[in-house]
Amino acid sequence: MFHPSATPPAAAPTPLPAVPAEALPAVGALHRHGGRRLLVVRTWQQVPQARLDADRLGAELVV
């Protein structure tokens, strides 16, 4: 039973979100499928930067 003059119980600390060990790609979205990393972009204009990011991240590029 909670007494009005008692100190309320401390709330459990909120866990921090996971921080990636590597920088995210500058364009597109990084996905994992069947053990493969895929960098998915939507436009051909994103491809030059996406190629650099895919190489750095060890991902296959999907347009």
C-alpha atoms as a PDB file:
ATOM      1  CA  MET A   1       0.000   0.000   0.000  1.00  0.00           C
ATOM      2  CA  PHE A   2       1.329   3.422  -0.941  1.00  0.00           C
ATOM      3  CA  HIS A   3       1.487   5.975   1.861  1.00  0.00           C
ATOM      4  CA  PRO A   4       1.072   9.636   0.710  1.00  0.00           C
ATOM      5  CA  SER A   5       4.214  10.795   2.513  1.00  0.00           C
ATOM      6  CA  ALA A   6       6.353   7.901   1.274  1.00  0.00           C
ATOM      7  CA  THR A   7       8.780   8.336  -1.620  1.00  0.00           C
ATOM      8  CA  PRO A   8       7.302   6.799  -4.789  1.00  0.00           C
ATOM      9  CA  PRO A   9       9.236   3.871  -6.241  1.00  0.00           C
ATOM     10  CA  ALA A  10      11.858   4.804  -8.818  1.00  0.00           C
ATOM     11  CA  ALA A  11      10.932   4.086 -12.415  1.00  0.00           C
ATOM     12  CA  ALA A  12      13.063   1.569 -14.291  1.00  0.00           C
ATOM     13  CA  PRO A  13      15.610   3.314 -16.525  1.00  0.00           C
ATOM     14  CA  THR A  14      14.599   3.571 -20.163  1.00  0.00           C
ATOM     15  CA  PRO A  15      16.964   1.556 -22.375  1.00  0.00           C
ATOM     16  CA  LEU A  16      18.899   3.595 -24.914  1.00  0.00           C
ATOM     17  CA  PRO A  17      18.300   2.859 -28.613  1.00  0.00           C
ATOM     18  CA  ALA A  18      20.908   0.773 -30.390  1.00  0.00           C
ATOM     19  CA  VAL A  19      23.504   2.899 -32.176  1.00  0.00           C
ATOM     20  CA  PRO A  20      24.886   1.470 -35.440  1.00  0.00           C
ATOM     21  CA  ALA A  21      28.603   0.682 -35.426  1.00  0.00           C
ATOM     22  CA  GLU A  22      28.936   2.142 -38.926  1.00  0.00           C
ATOM     23  CA  ALA A  23      27.550   5.248 -40.594  1.00  0.00           C
ATOM     24  CA  LEU A  24      24.236   4.797 -42.358  1.00  0.00           C
ATOM     25  CA  PRO A  25      24.093   5.210 -46.145  1.00  0.00           C
ATOM     26  CA  ALA A  26      23.768   8.760 -47.478  1.00  0.00           C
ATOM     27  CA  VAL A  27      20.978   7.620 -49.831  1.00  0.00           C
ATOM     28  CA  GLY A  28      18.551   4.729 -49.889  1.00  0.00           C
ATOM     29  CA  ALA A  29      17.598   2.232 -47.224  1.00  0.00           C
ATOM     30  CA  LEU A  30      19.742  -0.596 -45.883  1.00  0.00           C
ATOM     31  CA  HIS A  31      17.969  -3.957 -45.516  1.00  0.00           C
ATOM     32  CA  ARG A  32      18.975  -7.509 -44.591  1.00  0.00           C
ATOM     33  CA  HIS A  33      17.400 -10.452 -46.431  1.00  0.00           C
ATOM     34  CA  GLY A  34      18.513 -14.058 -46.166  1.00  0.00           C
ATOM     35  CA  GLY A  35      21.847 -13.054 -44.658  1.00  0.00           C
ATOM     36  CA  ARG A  36      22.510 -10.559 -47.475  1.00  0.00           C
ATOM     37  CA  ARG A  37      22.739  -6.798 -47.005  1.00  0.00           C
ATOM     38  CA  LEU A  38      20.855  -4.800 -49.605  1.00  0.00           C
ATOM     39  CA  LEU A  39      21.030  -1.070 -50.234  1.00  0.00           C
ATOM     40  CA  VAL A  40      17.774  -0.104 -51.932  1.00  0.00           C
ATOM     41  CA  VAL A  41      17.488   3.173 -53.855  1.00  0.00           C
ATOM     42  CA  ARG A  42      14.509   4.521 -55.798  1.00  0.00           C
ATOM     43  CA  THR A  43      16.057   6.715 -58.504  1.00  0.00           C
ATOM     44  CA  TRP A  44      18.924   6.462 -60.945  1.00  0.00           C
ATOM     45  CA  GLN A  45      20.219   9.809 -59.665  1.00  0.00           C
ATOM     46  CA  GLN A  46      21.009   8.120 -56.333  1.00  0.00           C
ATOM     47  CA  VAL A  47      23.102   5.355 -57.905  1.00  0.00           C
ATOM     48  CA  PRO A  48      26.549   7.059 -57.931  1.00  0.00           C
ATOM     49  CA  GLN A  49      26.441   7.768 -54.181  1.00  0.00           C
ATOM     50  CA  ALA A  50      24.713   4.449 -53.490  1.00  0.00           C
ATOM     51  CA  ARG A  51      27.572   2.540 -55.163  1.00  0.00           C
ATOM     52  CA  LEU A  52      30.045   4.137 -52.755  1.00  0.00           C
ATOM     53  CA  ASP A  53      27.816   3.397 -49.759  1.00  0.00           C
ATOM     54  CA  ALA A  54      27.139  -0.189 -50.863  1.00  0.00           C
ATOM     55  CA  ASP A  55      30.878  -0.874 -51.198  1.00  0.00           C
ATOM     56  CA  ARG A  56      31.573   0.623 -47.778  1.00  0.00           C
ATOM     57  CA  LEU A  57      28.745  -1.327 -46.136  1.00  0.00           C
ATOM     58  CA  GLY A  58      29.337  -4.621 -47.936  1.00  0.00           C
ATOM     59  CA  ALA A  59      25.849  -4.485 -49.472  1.00  0.00           C
ATOM     60  CA  GLU A  60      24.367  -5.273 -52.835  1.00  0.00           C
ATOM     61  CA  LEU A  61      22.831  -2.324 -54.651  1.00  0.00           C
ATOM     62  CA  VAL A  62      19.171  -2.634 -55.663  1.00  0.00           C
ATOM     63  CA  VAL A  63      17.506  -0.003 -57.893  1.00  0.00           C
END
